[in-house]
Amino acid sequence: MGLNEQAHGQDHGHSLKAYYLVYLLLMVGLAATVWVAYIDLGWLSTPIAMAIATTKAFFVVMIFMHVKDATPMIWVTIVMGLVGLSLGFIFLFCDYAAR
């Protein structure tokens, strides 16, 4: 068995039950997002919708992208990407507030 076959043939321990559970959670998140869009929560609508979207993205990354079982270097890469994204948003909003 070659190195390439080993890398693609690894079982990450996710059962079909986990995939179906995440799918169900994503559908519940979709329904919650649509519900928040149709009711009037004032200024809270956007933060609530963003919290729902962040939660859905977390489940997709952890389970479907197999990050839950990733090596420490992958975790460092993900954290650094999130830090860079956060810094970009901070600079953007600071610039926006200063105008």
N, C-alpha and C. Protein backbone atom coordinates (compact mmCIF):
# COMPACT_ATOMS: atom_id res chain seq x y z
N MET A 1 0.85 -1.17 0.00
CA MET A 1 0.00 0.00 0.00
C MET A 1 0.90 1.23 0.00
N GLY A 2 0.69 2.12 -0.96
CA GLY A 2 1.52 3.31 -1.08
C GLY A 2 1.14 4.39 -0.08
N LEU A 3 2.00 5.38 -0.01
CA LEU A 3 1.78 6.48 0.92
C LEU A 3 0.50 7.23 0.60
N ASN A 4 0.24 7.44 -0.68
CA ASN A 4 -0.97 8.15 -1.10
C ASN A 4 -2.23 7.37 -0.73
N GLU A 5 -2.17 6.06 -0.87
CA GLU A 5 -3.32 5.23 -0.53
C GLU A 5 -3.56 5.25 0.98
N GLN A 6 -2.48 5.28 1.76
CA GLN A 6 -2.64 5.33 3.20
C GLN A 6 -3.28 6.65 3.63
N ALA A 7 -2.85 7.74 3.03
CA ALA A 7 -3.37 9.04 3.42
C ALA A 7 -4.85 9.16 3.10
N HIS A 8 -5.27 8.62 1.97
CA HIS A 8 -6.67 8.75 1.59
C HIS A 8 -7.53 7.65 2.17
N GLY A 9 -6.92 6.59 2.64
CA GLY A 9 -7.70 5.48 3.17
C GLY A 9 -7.86 5.52 4.68
N GLN A 10 -7.37 6.57 5.33
CA GLN A 10 -7.47 6.63 6.78
C GLN A 10 -8.91 6.84 7.21
N ASP A 11 -9.26 6.14 8.28
CA ASP A 11 -10.57 6.33 8.87
C ASP A 11 -10.43 7.34 10.00
N HIS A 12 -11.17 8.41 9.93
CA HIS A 12 -11.06 9.46 10.93
C HIS A 12 -12.02 9.25 12.10
N GLY A 13 -12.66 8.10 12.16
CA GLY A 13 -13.49 7.79 13.29
C GLY A 13 -14.89 8.40 13.24
N HIS A 14 -15.25 9.02 12.15
CA HIS A 14 -16.58 9.60 12.05
C HIS A 14 -17.52 8.55 11.49
N SER A 15 -18.57 8.28 12.22
CA SER A 15 -19.55 7.33 11.74
C SER A 15 -20.63 8.07 10.95
N LEU A 16 -21.45 7.31 10.29
CA LEU A 16 -22.57 7.92 9.57
C LEU A 16 -23.50 8.63 10.53
N LYS A 17 -23.57 8.14 11.76
CA LYS A 17 -24.41 8.79 12.76
C LYS A 17 -23.95 10.23 13.02
N ALA A 18 -22.64 10.43 13.08
CA ALA A 18 -22.10 11.79 13.30
C ALA A 18 -22.43 12.69 12.12
N TYR A 19 -22.30 12.17 10.90
CA TYR A 19 -22.62 12.97 9.72
C TYR A 19 -24.10 13.34 9.68
N TYR A 20 -24.95 12.38 10.00
CA TYR A 20 -26.39 12.67 10.01
C TYR A 20 -26.75 13.65 11.12
N LEU A 21 -26.10 13.55 12.26
CA LEU A 21 -26.35 14.48 13.35
C LEU A 21 -25.95 15.90 12.95
N VAL A 22 -24.78 16.04 12.33
CA VAL A 22 -24.35 17.36 11.89
C VAL A 22 -25.28 17.89 10.81
N TYR A 23 -25.71 17.01 9.90
CA TYR A 23 -26.66 17.43 8.87
C TYR A 23 -27.96 17.94 9.51
N LEU A 24 -28.44 17.23 10.51
CA LEU A 24 -29.65 17.66 11.22
C LEU A 24 -29.43 19.00 11.90
N LEU A 25 -28.28 19.17 12.54
CA LEU A 25 -27.97 20.46 13.18
C LEU A 25 -27.88 21.59 12.16
N LEU A 26 -27.32 21.30 10.98
CA LEU A 26 -27.25 22.32 9.94
C LEU A 26 -28.65 22.70 9.43
N MET A 27 -29.53 21.73 9.34
CA MET A 27 -30.90 22.03 8.91
C MET A 27 -31.64 22.84 9.97
N VAL A 28 -31.41 22.52 11.24
CA VAL A 28 -32.00 23.31 12.33
C VAL A 28 -31.43 24.73 12.28
N GLY A 29 -30.13 24.85 12.03
CA GLY A 29 -29.51 26.17 11.90
C GLY A 29 -30.07 26.95 10.72
N LEU A 30 -30.34 26.26 9.63
CA LEU A 30 -30.96 26.92 8.47
C LEU A 30 -32.34 27.44 8.83
N ALA A 31 -33.13 26.61 9.51
CA ALA A 31 -34.47 27.05 9.91
C ALA A 31 -34.39 28.22 10.89
N ALA A 32 -33.41 28.19 11.79
CA ALA A 32 -33.25 29.30 12.74
C ALA A 32 -32.84 30.57 12.02
N THR A 33 -31.98 30.46 11.02
CA THR A 33 -31.55 31.62 10.25
C THR A 33 -32.72 32.24 9.50
N VAL A 34 -33.53 31.40 8.88
CA VAL A 34 -34.71 31.90 8.16
C VAL A 34 -35.69 32.53 9.13
N TRP A 35 -35.88 31.92 10.28
CA TRP A 35 -36.79 32.46 11.29
C TRP A 35 -36.32 33.83 11.77
N VAL A 36 -35.02 33.97 12.04
CA VAL A 36 -34.47 35.25 12.49
C VAL A 36 -34.62 36.31 11.39
N ALA A 37 -34.53 35.89 10.15
CA ALA A 37 -34.65 36.85 9.05
C ALA A 37 -36.08 37.38 8.91
N TYR A 38 -37.06 36.57 9.25
CA TYR A 38 -38.45 36.98 9.07
C TYR A 38 -39.06 37.68 10.28
N ILE A 39 -38.50 37.49 11.46
CA ILE A 39 -39.03 38.22 12.61
C ILE A 39 -38.20 39.47 12.82
N ASP A 40 -38.77 40.46 13.44
CA ASP A 40 -38.07 41.72 13.64
C ASP A 40 -37.48 41.76 15.04
N LEU A 41 -36.16 41.62 15.12
CA LEU A 41 -35.47 41.70 16.40
C LEU A 41 -34.69 43.00 16.53
N GLY A 42 -34.90 43.89 15.60
CA GLY A 42 -34.19 45.16 15.63
C GLY A 42 -32.71 44.96 15.35
N TRP A 43 -31.88 45.61 16.17
CA TRP A 43 -30.44 45.54 15.96
C TRP A 43 -29.86 44.17 16.32
N LEU A 44 -30.63 43.33 17.00
CA LEU A 44 -30.13 42.00 17.37
C LEU A 44 -30.19 40.98 16.24
N SER A 45 -30.90 41.30 15.16
CA SER A 45 -31.05 40.33 14.07
C SER A 45 -29.70 39.92 13.48
N THR A 46 -28.85 40.90 13.21
CA THR A 46 -27.56 40.59 12.60
C THR A 46 -26.65 39.80 13.53
N PRO A 47 -26.47 40.22 14.79
CA PRO A 47 -25.61 39.40 15.67
C PRO A 47 -26.12 37.97 15.87
N ILE A 48 -27.42 37.80 15.97
CA ILE A 48 -27.97 36.45 16.14
C ILE A 48 -27.75 35.62 14.88
N ALA A 49 -27.98 36.21 13.71
CA ALA A 49 -27.75 35.49 12.45
C ALA A 49 -26.27 35.14 12.30
N MET A 50 -25.38 36.03 12.70
CA MET A 50 -23.94 35.74 12.61
C MET A 50 -23.54 34.64 13.59
N ALA A 51 -24.14 34.62 14.77
CA ALA A 51 -23.85 33.56 15.75
C ALA A 51 -24.31 32.20 15.21
N ILE A 52 -25.46 32.17 14.58
CA ILE A 52 -25.96 30.92 13.99
C ILE A 52 -25.04 30.48 12.86
N ALA A 53 -24.63 31.41 12.01
CA ALA A 53 -23.74 31.07 10.89
C ALA A 53 -22.38 30.59 11.40
N THR A 54 -21.87 31.20 12.45
CA THR A 54 -20.59 30.77 13.02
C THR A 54 -20.69 29.37 13.60
N THR A 55 -21.79 29.08 14.25
CA THR A 55 -22.00 27.74 14.80
C THR A 55 -22.07 26.70 13.69
N LYS A 56 -22.79 27.01 12.62
CA LYS A 56 -22.88 26.08 11.49
C LYS A 56 -21.51 25.87 10.85
N ALA A 57 -20.74 26.94 10.69
CA ALA A 57 -19.40 26.82 10.11
C ALA A 57 -18.49 25.98 11.00
N PHE A 58 -18.62 26.13 12.31
CA PHE A 58 -17.83 25.33 13.25
C PHE A 58 -18.10 23.84 13.05
N PHE A 59 -19.37 23.46 12.95
CA PHE A 59 -19.70 22.04 12.75
C PHE A 59 -19.17 21.52 11.43
N VAL A 60 -19.28 22.30 10.38
CA VAL A 60 -18.78 21.87 9.07
C VAL A 60 -17.28 21.67 9.11
N VAL A 61 -16.56 22.61 9.70
CA VAL A 61 -15.10 22.51 9.76
C VAL A 61 -14.68 21.32 10.62
N MET A 62 -15.29 21.16 11.76
CA MET A 62 -14.87 20.10 12.68
C MET A 62 -15.17 18.70 12.14
N ILE A 63 -16.35 18.50 11.60
CA ILE A 63 -16.75 17.14 11.22
C ILE A 63 -16.49 16.86 9.73
N PHE A 64 -17.04 17.67 8.83
CA PHE A 64 -16.92 17.37 7.42
C PHE A 64 -15.50 17.59 6.89
N MET A 65 -14.75 18.52 7.48
CA MET A 65 -13.38 18.76 7.05
C MET A 65 -12.37 18.01 7.93
N HIS A 66 -12.86 17.21 8.86
CA HIS A 66 -12.05 16.33 9.70
C HIS A 66 -11.00 17.08 10.52
N VAL A 67 -11.27 18.29 10.91
CA VAL A 67 -10.31 19.06 11.71
C VAL A 67 -10.28 18.55 13.15
N LYS A 68 -11.37 17.95 13.58
CA LYS A 68 -11.43 17.42 14.94
C LYS A 68 -10.30 16.43 15.21
N ASP A 69 -9.90 15.68 14.20
CA ASP A 69 -8.86 14.67 14.34
C ASP A 69 -7.54 15.09 13.70
N ALA A 70 -7.35 16.38 13.46
CA ALA A 70 -6.18 16.86 12.74
C ALA A 70 -4.95 16.91 13.64
N THR A 71 -3.82 17.06 12.98
CA THR A 71 -2.55 17.18 13.71
C THR A 71 -2.44 18.57 14.34
N PRO A 72 -1.56 18.71 15.31
CA PRO A 72 -1.39 20.03 15.95
C PRO A 72 -1.01 21.14 14.97
N MET A 73 -0.25 20.82 13.92
CA MET A 73 0.14 21.84 12.96
C MET A 73 -1.08 22.38 12.21
N ILE A 74 -2.04 21.54 11.92
CA ILE A 74 -3.27 22.00 11.28
C ILE A 74 -4.01 22.95 12.20
N TRP A 75 -4.05 22.61 13.50
CA TRP A 75 -4.71 23.49 14.48
C TRP A 75 -4.02 24.85 14.54
N VAL A 76 -2.69 24.86 14.52
CA VAL A 76 -1.95 26.13 14.54
C VAL A 76 -2.29 26.94 13.30
N THR A 77 -2.36 26.28 12.15
CA THR A 77 -2.69 26.97 10.90
C THR A 77 -4.09 27.57 10.97
N ILE A 78 -5.03 26.83 11.49
CA ILE A 78 -6.40 27.33 11.60
C ILE A 78 -6.48 28.51 12.57
N VAL A 79 -5.83 28.39 13.71
CA VAL A 79 -5.85 29.48 14.68
C VAL A 79 -5.20 30.73 14.11
N MET A 80 -4.07 30.57 13.42
CA MET A 80 -3.39 31.73 12.83
C MET A 80 -4.26 32.37 11.74
N GLY A 81 -4.95 31.56 10.98
CA GLY A 81 -5.87 32.11 9.99
C GLY A 81 -6.99 32.92 10.63
N LEU A 82 -7.53 32.41 11.73
CA LEU A 82 -8.58 33.14 12.44
C LEU A 82 -8.06 34.42 13.08
N VAL A 83 -6.82 34.37 13.59
CA VAL A 83 -6.20 35.59 14.15
C VAL A 83 -6.02 36.63 13.06
N GLY A 84 -5.53 36.21 11.90
CA GLY A 84 -5.35 37.14 10.78
C GLY A 84 -6.68 37.73 10.33
N LEU A 85 -7.69 36.90 10.23
CA LEU A 85 -9.02 37.39 9.85
C LEU A 85 -9.55 38.37 10.88
N SER A 86 -9.36 38.06 12.15
CA SER A 86 -9.81 38.96 13.22
C SER A 86 -9.08 40.30 13.15
N LEU A 87 -7.78 40.27 12.94
CA LEU A 87 -7.03 41.52 12.82
C LEU A 87 -7.51 42.34 11.63
N GLY A 88 -7.80 41.67 10.53
CA GLY A 88 -8.32 42.37 9.36
C GLY A 88 -9.64 43.06 9.67
N PHE A 89 -10.53 42.37 10.36
CA PHE A 89 -11.81 42.98 10.73
C PHE A 89 -11.62 44.13 11.72
N ILE A 90 -10.70 43.96 12.66
CA ILE A 90 -10.44 45.03 13.63
C ILE A 90 -9.95 46.28 12.92
N PHE A 91 -8.98 46.12 12.02
CA PHE A 91 -8.47 47.28 11.28
C PHE A 91 -9.55 47.90 10.40
N LEU A 92 -10.37 47.07 9.80
CA LEU A 92 -11.45 47.57 8.95
C LEU A 92 -12.42 48.41 9.77
N PHE A 93 -12.86 47.88 10.91
CA PHE A 93 -13.83 48.61 11.72
C PHE A 93 -13.22 49.86 12.38
N CYS A 94 -11.93 49.80 12.73
CA CYS A 94 -11.27 51.00 13.27
C CYS A 94 -11.20 52.09 12.21
N ASP A 95 -10.88 51.70 10.98
CA ASP A 95 -10.84 52.67 9.89
C ASP A 95 -12.22 53.23 9.62
N TYR A 96 -13.22 52.38 9.63
CA TYR A 96 -14.59 52.81 9.38
C TYR A 96 -15.06 53.78 10.47
N ALA A 97 -14.72 53.48 11.72
CA ALA A 97 -15.14 54.33 12.84
C ALA A 97 -14.42 55.69 12.83
N ALA A 98 -13.21 55.72 12.25
CA ALA A 98 -12.43 56.95 12.24
C ALA A 98 -12.86 57.93 11.15
N ARG A 99 -13.68 57.50 10.25
CA ARG A 99 -14.08 58.38 9.13
C ARG A 99 -15.27 59.22 9.47
